[in-house]
C-alpha cells in the first residue's frame, strides 16, 4: 500500500504561482509513474502532469510551459510548480502514483483545493 498526502493548495490571483507537494509513504518500490490530476466542479478528473521513474515528463496541453512536475526521490515527494495561473486552473488537485506492472494499481491522495480568482 502507498499513502499520499498533498499540501500547498490555496487561493491565488490570476498570474500568480503555487507549488503543490505530495509526500508518499509505504511500499513505493514498484511505482512507475507519479502525477497530478485535477477536477473542476461538474467536470471529470483530468491529467495535468506525469513524471515516470525514468525521468520522462508529460504535460496536458493546457498547462504546458506554465507547470513543472518534479520529484525528490530521497524524500519520496512529488511537486507541481504552477506559474502564470489562470481562473480555469481552479479545481481540486489530486496526487496519483501508478504501479503499471500487474496488478496495475492507482493510489490517490485526498486532494487539495486550488482557487485562482481576483
Protein backbone atom coordinates (compact mmCIF):
# COMPACT_ATOMS: atom_id res chain seq x y z
CA UNK A 1 0.00 0.00 0.00
CA UNK A 2 1.01 3.56 -0.71
CA UNK A 3 -0.24 6.58 1.21
CA UNK A 4 -0.18 10.03 -0.37
CA UNK A 5 -0.62 13.37 1.35
CA UNK A 6 -0.92 16.57 -0.68
CA UNK A 7 -0.30 20.09 0.53
CA UNK A 8 0.20 23.57 -0.87
CA UNK A 9 -3.18 24.47 -2.31
CA UNK A 10 -4.88 27.77 -1.68
CA UNK A 11 -6.26 30.95 -3.17
CA UNK A 12 -4.12 32.86 -5.63
CA UNK A 13 -4.72 35.74 -8.03
CA UNK A 14 -4.53 35.24 -11.79
CA UNK A 15 -0.92 35.32 -12.89
CA UNK A 16 0.29 34.08 -9.54
CA UNK A 17 2.13 30.92 -8.56
CA UNK A 18 1.64 27.97 -6.25
CA UNK A 19 3.63 24.85 -5.52
CA UNK A 20 1.88 21.63 -4.60
CA UNK A 21 3.64 18.84 -2.73
CA UNK A 22 2.77 15.16 -2.47
CA UNK A 23 4.51 13.11 0.19
CA UNK A 24 4.43 9.35 -0.25
CA UNK A 25 4.87 6.62 2.30
CA UNK A 26 4.53 2.85 2.22
CA UNK A 27 5.58 0.41 -0.49
CA UNK A 28 6.67 2.63 -3.38
CA UNK A 29 9.35 0.37 -4.87
CA UNK A 30 7.02 -0.82 -7.64
CA UNK A 31 5.69 2.63 -8.53
CA UNK A 32 6.37 3.53 -12.18
CA UNK A 33 4.74 6.92 -12.57
CA UNK A 34 3.77 9.83 -10.37
CA UNK A 35 1.48 12.60 -11.38
CA UNK A 36 -1.13 15.22 -10.71
CA UNK A 37 -4.74 15.28 -11.80
CA UNK A 38 -7.33 17.96 -11.28
CA UNK A 39 -11.08 18.12 -11.15
CA UNK A 40 -13.12 21.26 -11.62
CA UNK A 41 -16.71 21.46 -10.35
CA UNK A 42 -19.01 19.50 -12.61
CA UNK A 43 -16.12 18.20 -14.69
CA UNK A 44 -14.28 14.92 -14.97
CA UNK A 45 -10.90 14.43 -13.39
CA UNK A 46 -8.15 15.17 -15.91
CA UNK A 47 -4.44 14.52 -16.08
CA UNK A 48 -2.26 17.58 -15.52
CA UNK A 49 1.27 16.22 -15.45
CA UNK A 50 3.16 12.95 -15.04
CA UNK A 51 6.76 12.02 -14.32
CA UNK A 52 7.95 8.48 -14.90
CA UNK A 53 10.62 6.87 -12.81
CA UNK A 54 12.95 7.03 -15.80
CA UNK A 55 12.61 10.80 -15.78
CA UNK A 56 10.28 11.39 -18.73
CA UNK A 57 7.70 14.10 -18.08
CA UNK A 58 4.40 14.67 -19.82
CA UNK A 59 2.01 17.61 -19.52
CA UNK A 60 -1.51 18.41 -20.53
CA UNK A 61 -1.57 20.90 -23.37
CA UNK A 62 -3.43 23.42 -21.20
CA UNK A 63 -0.53 23.66 -18.71
CA UNK A 64 2.48 23.11 -20.97
CA UNK A 65 5.05 25.83 -20.37
CA UNK A 66 3.40 27.03 -17.15
CA UNK A 67 3.55 24.00 -14.85
CA UNK A 68 6.56 21.89 -13.92
CA UNK A 69 6.43 18.49 -12.27
CA UNK A 70 9.43 17.26 -10.33
CA UNK A 71 10.31 14.67 -7.74
CA UNK A 72 12.68 14.24 -4.86
CA UNK A 73 13.40 10.53 -4.81
CA UNK A 74 15.15 10.69 -1.47
CA UNK A 75 12.17 12.34 0.17
CA UNK A 76 9.56 10.33 -1.76
CA UNK A 77 7.92 13.61 -2.69
CA UNK A 78 6.48 14.91 -5.94
CA UNK A 79 5.98 18.59 -6.64
CA UNK A 80 3.91 20.61 -9.06
CA UNK A 81 5.17 24.13 -9.62
CA UNK A 82 2.35 26.18 -11.12
CA UNK A 83 3.10 29.57 -12.66
CA UNK A 84 1.00 32.08 -14.58
CA UNK A 85 -2.12 30.63 -13.06
CA UNK A 86 -5.45 31.21 -14.77
CA UNK A 87 -9.01 31.03 -13.41
CA UNK A 88 -9.52 27.88 -15.47
CA UNK A 89 -6.81 26.17 -13.40
CA UNK A 90 -9.20 26.21 -10.46
CA UNK A 91 -10.08 22.80 -9.08
CA UNK A 92 -9.17 20.07 -6.66
CA UNK A 93 -5.72 18.72 -7.42
CA UNK A 94 -5.03 15.06 -6.70
CA UNK A 95 -1.70 13.32 -6.45
CA UNK A 96 -1.52 9.94 -8.17
CA UNK A 97 1.03 7.15 -8.04
CA UNK A 98 0.75 4.31 -10.53
CA UNK A 99 2.03 0.77 -10.48
CA UNK A 100 2.00 -0.23 -14.14
CA UNK A 101 3.04 -3.86 -13.66
CA UNK A 102 0.44 -6.43 -12.59
CA UNK A 103 -1.52 -5.88 -10.53
CA UNK A 104 -1.92 -2.46 -12.09
CA UNK A 105 -2.79 -0.15 -9.22
CA UNK A 106 -3.63 3.52 -8.77
CA UNK A 107 -3.03 5.29 -5.49
CA UNK A 108 -4.65 8.65 -4.78
CA UNK A 109 -4.21 11.43 -2.31
CA UNK A 110 -7.12 13.19 -0.68
CA UNK A 111 -6.86 16.26 -2.91
CA UNK A 112 -6.01 19.89 -2.31
CA UNK A 113 -8.08 22.86 -3.47
CA UNK A 114 -6.56 25.41 -5.83
CA UNK A 115 -8.60 28.53 -6.50
CA UNK A 116 -7.45 31.17 -8.97
CA UNK A 117 -9.50 34.29 -8.59
CA UNK A 118 -9.16 38.04 -8.22
